[in-house]
């Protein structure tokens, strides 16, 4: 994991509503299932922001930083 910067990942939220980012799970309501999202991890701030394809922020919160990705 880099010491600074950001990591972006495109993920699909399936029917269970779980977004898995290298072992860190974020849970979503049914209205956000079956869609792609962009998850941006701000490394120094230790936070993740999840945005839908139409620009809506649907999650913003802490993200535990580890030296290794699973």
N, C-alpha and C. Protein backbone atom coordinates (compact mmCIF):
# COMPACT_ATOMS: atom_id res chain seq x y z
N UNK A 1 0.85 -1.18 0.00
CA UNK A 1 0.00 0.00 0.00
C UNK A 1 0.90 1.24 0.00
N UNK A 2 0.64 2.18 -0.87
CA UNK A 2 1.47 3.38 -0.89
C UNK A 2 1.28 4.21 0.38
N UNK A 3 2.27 5.06 0.70
CA UNK A 3 2.21 5.89 1.91
C UNK A 3 1.35 7.12 1.71
N UNK A 4 1.12 7.50 0.45
CA UNK A 4 0.30 8.67 0.17
C UNK A 4 -0.34 8.51 -1.19
N UNK A 5 -1.24 9.43 -1.51
CA UNK A 5 -1.92 9.36 -2.80
C UNK A 5 -3.30 8.77 -2.65
N UNK A 6 -3.78 8.22 -3.76
CA UNK A 6 -5.10 7.60 -3.71
C UNK A 6 -5.13 6.38 -4.60
N UNK A 7 -6.05 5.50 -4.26
CA UNK A 7 -6.25 4.27 -5.01
C UNK A 7 -7.70 4.26 -5.46
N UNK A 8 -7.93 4.02 -6.74
CA UNK A 8 -9.30 3.98 -7.26
C UNK A 8 -9.61 2.57 -7.74
N UNK A 9 -10.83 2.14 -7.43
CA UNK A 9 -11.25 0.80 -7.85
C UNK A 9 -12.70 0.86 -8.32
N UNK A 10 -12.95 0.26 -9.46
CA UNK A 10 -14.33 0.13 -9.96
C UNK A 10 -14.83 -1.22 -9.50
N UNK A 11 -15.99 -1.22 -8.85
CA UNK A 11 -16.57 -2.45 -8.33
C UNK A 11 -18.05 -2.52 -8.67
N UNK A 12 -18.58 -3.74 -8.69
CA UNK A 12 -20.00 -3.98 -8.93
C UNK A 12 -20.63 -4.42 -7.61
N UNK A 13 -21.72 -3.77 -7.22
CA UNK A 13 -22.42 -4.15 -5.99
C UNK A 13 -23.48 -5.18 -6.37
N UNK A 14 -23.30 -6.39 -5.88
CA UNK A 14 -24.21 -7.49 -6.20
C UNK A 14 -25.44 -7.48 -5.30
N UNK A 15 -26.26 -8.48 -5.42
CA UNK A 15 -27.54 -8.54 -4.70
C UNK A 15 -27.40 -8.53 -3.18
N UNK A 16 -26.25 -8.97 -2.65
CA UNK A 16 -26.09 -8.98 -1.20
C UNK A 16 -25.76 -7.60 -0.63
N UNK A 17 -25.51 -6.62 -1.49
CA UNK A 17 -25.26 -5.25 -1.06
C UNK A 17 -23.89 -5.01 -0.46
N UNK A 18 -22.97 -5.94 -0.65
CA UNK A 18 -21.64 -5.82 -0.04
C UNK A 18 -20.62 -5.37 -1.08
N UNK A 19 -19.87 -4.35 -0.72
CA UNK A 19 -18.74 -3.90 -1.53
C UNK A 19 -17.48 -4.32 -0.79
N UNK A 20 -16.68 -5.18 -1.40
CA UNK A 20 -15.46 -5.69 -0.75
C UNK A 20 -14.25 -5.00 -1.36
N UNK A 21 -13.55 -4.25 -0.54
CA UNK A 21 -12.33 -3.57 -0.96
C UNK A 21 -11.16 -4.18 -0.21
N UNK A 22 -10.57 -5.19 -0.77
CA UNK A 22 -9.41 -5.87 -0.20
C UNK A 22 -9.64 -6.27 1.25
N UNK A 23 -10.81 -6.87 1.51
CA UNK A 23 -11.12 -7.35 2.84
C UNK A 23 -11.93 -6.38 3.70
N UNK A 24 -11.99 -5.12 3.33
CA UNK A 24 -12.81 -4.13 4.05
C UNK A 24 -14.18 -4.12 3.38
N UNK A 25 -15.21 -4.46 4.14
CA UNK A 25 -16.54 -4.57 3.56
C UNK A 25 -17.39 -3.34 3.90
N UNK A 26 -18.08 -2.83 2.87
CA UNK A 26 -19.03 -1.72 3.03
C UNK A 26 -20.38 -2.26 2.59
N UNK A 27 -21.41 -2.01 3.39
CA UNK A 27 -22.74 -2.54 3.12
C UNK A 27 -23.66 -1.45 2.61
N UNK A 28 -24.48 -1.79 1.60
CA UNK A 28 -25.36 -0.83 0.97
C UNK A 28 -26.81 -1.29 1.00
N UNK A 29 -27.71 -0.33 0.92
CA UNK A 29 -29.14 -0.58 0.86
C UNK A 29 -29.48 -1.18 -0.51
N UNK A 30 -30.64 -1.85 -0.63
CA UNK A 30 -31.02 -2.49 -1.89
C UNK A 30 -31.07 -1.55 -3.10
N UNK A 31 -31.36 -0.27 -2.90
CA UNK A 31 -31.42 0.64 -4.05
C UNK A 31 -30.06 0.87 -4.72
N UNK A 32 -28.98 0.44 -4.07
CA UNK A 32 -27.65 0.61 -4.65
C UNK A 32 -27.08 -0.68 -5.20
N UNK A 33 -27.86 -1.76 -5.18
CA UNK A 33 -27.36 -3.03 -5.71
C UNK A 33 -27.45 -3.05 -7.23
N UNK A 34 -26.73 -3.98 -7.81
CA UNK A 34 -26.68 -4.18 -9.27
C UNK A 34 -26.22 -2.94 -10.02
N UNK A 35 -25.20 -2.29 -9.49
CA UNK A 35 -24.63 -1.14 -10.21
C UNK A 35 -23.14 -1.04 -9.93
N UNK A 36 -22.47 -0.42 -10.88
CA UNK A 36 -21.04 -0.17 -10.73
C UNK A 36 -20.82 1.10 -9.96
N UNK A 37 -19.76 1.10 -9.13
CA UNK A 37 -19.39 2.28 -8.36
C UNK A 37 -17.89 2.48 -8.47
N UNK A 38 -17.46 3.70 -8.18
CA UNK A 38 -16.04 4.02 -8.11
C UNK A 38 -15.70 4.26 -6.65
N UNK A 39 -14.80 3.47 -6.11
CA UNK A 39 -14.34 3.63 -4.73
C UNK A 39 -12.96 4.28 -4.77
N UNK A 40 -12.83 5.44 -4.12
CA UNK A 40 -11.55 6.14 -4.06
C UNK A 40 -11.05 6.10 -2.63
N UNK A 41 -9.90 5.48 -2.44
CA UNK A 41 -9.27 5.41 -1.11
C UNK A 41 -8.23 6.53 -1.04
N UNK A 42 -8.42 7.44 -0.11
CA UNK A 42 -7.45 8.51 0.16
C UNK A 42 -6.53 7.98 1.25
N UNK A 43 -5.31 7.62 0.85
CA UNK A 43 -4.40 6.87 1.72
C UNK A 43 -4.04 7.65 2.98
N UNK A 44 -3.55 8.86 2.84
CA UNK A 44 -3.12 9.61 4.02
C UNK A 44 -4.28 9.92 4.96
N UNK A 45 -5.45 10.22 4.41
CA UNK A 45 -6.63 10.52 5.21
C UNK A 45 -7.27 9.26 5.78
N UNK A 46 -6.87 8.09 5.25
CA UNK A 46 -7.44 6.80 5.67
C UNK A 46 -8.96 6.81 5.56
N UNK A 47 -9.42 7.20 4.38
CA UNK A 47 -10.87 7.22 4.14
C UNK A 47 -11.18 6.71 2.75
N UNK A 48 -12.41 6.27 2.57
CA UNK A 48 -12.88 5.80 1.28
C UNK A 48 -14.16 6.56 0.94
N UNK A 49 -14.27 6.93 -0.32
CA UNK A 49 -15.46 7.59 -0.84
C UNK A 49 -15.97 6.74 -2.00
N UNK A 50 -17.26 6.40 -1.96
CA UNK A 50 -17.86 5.57 -2.99
C UNK A 50 -18.88 6.41 -3.76
N UNK A 51 -18.72 6.44 -5.09
CA UNK A 51 -19.54 7.28 -5.96
C UNK A 51 -20.18 6.41 -7.03
N UNK A 52 -21.46 6.68 -7.32
CA UNK A 52 -22.15 5.96 -8.40
C UNK A 52 -21.72 6.50 -9.75
N UNK A 53 -22.17 5.84 -10.81
CA UNK A 53 -21.80 6.28 -12.15
C UNK A 53 -22.43 7.62 -12.53
N UNK A 54 -23.45 8.07 -11.79
CA UNK A 54 -24.03 9.39 -12.06
C UNK A 54 -23.52 10.46 -11.10
N UNK A 55 -22.47 10.15 -10.33
CA UNK A 55 -21.82 11.14 -9.50
C UNK A 55 -22.33 11.27 -8.07
N UNK A 56 -23.28 10.43 -7.67
CA UNK A 56 -23.84 10.50 -6.32
C UNK A 56 -22.89 9.81 -5.33
N UNK A 57 -22.53 10.52 -4.25
CA UNK A 57 -21.72 9.92 -3.20
C UNK A 57 -22.65 9.09 -2.32
N UNK A 58 -22.40 7.78 -2.27
CA UNK A 58 -23.27 6.91 -1.49
C UNK A 58 -22.59 6.39 -0.23
N UNK A 59 -21.30 6.66 -0.08
CA UNK A 59 -20.60 6.27 1.15
C UNK A 59 -19.34 7.11 1.29
N UNK A 60 -19.08 7.53 2.50
CA UNK A 60 -17.84 8.20 2.85
C UNK A 60 -17.52 7.80 4.27
N UNK A 61 -16.35 7.25 4.48
CA UNK A 61 -16.02 6.80 5.83
C UNK A 61 -14.58 6.36 5.95
N UNK A 62 -14.23 5.94 7.14
CA UNK A 62 -12.87 5.51 7.42
C UNK A 62 -12.50 4.25 6.66
N UNK A 63 -11.21 4.12 6.40
CA UNK A 63 -10.69 2.94 5.71
C UNK A 63 -9.38 2.54 6.39
N UNK A 64 -9.33 1.36 7.00
CA UNK A 64 -8.10 0.93 7.66
C UNK A 64 -7.01 0.65 6.63
N UNK A 65 -5.85 1.20 6.85
CA UNK A 65 -4.73 1.03 5.92
C UNK A 65 -3.79 -0.05 6.46
N UNK A 66 -3.46 -0.98 5.60
CA UNK A 66 -2.54 -2.05 5.92
C UNK A 66 -1.37 -2.00 4.94
N UNK A 67 -0.25 -2.52 5.32
CA UNK A 67 0.92 -2.53 4.42
C UNK A 67 0.75 -3.54 3.30
N UNK A 68 -0.17 -4.49 3.44
CA UNK A 68 -0.39 -5.49 2.40
C UNK A 68 -1.85 -5.52 2.00
N UNK A 69 -2.12 -5.85 0.75
CA UNK A 69 -3.47 -6.01 0.26
C UNK A 69 -3.80 -7.49 0.22
N UNK A 70 -5.05 -7.83 0.53
CA UNK A 70 -5.47 -9.22 0.46
C UNK A 70 -6.17 -9.46 -0.84
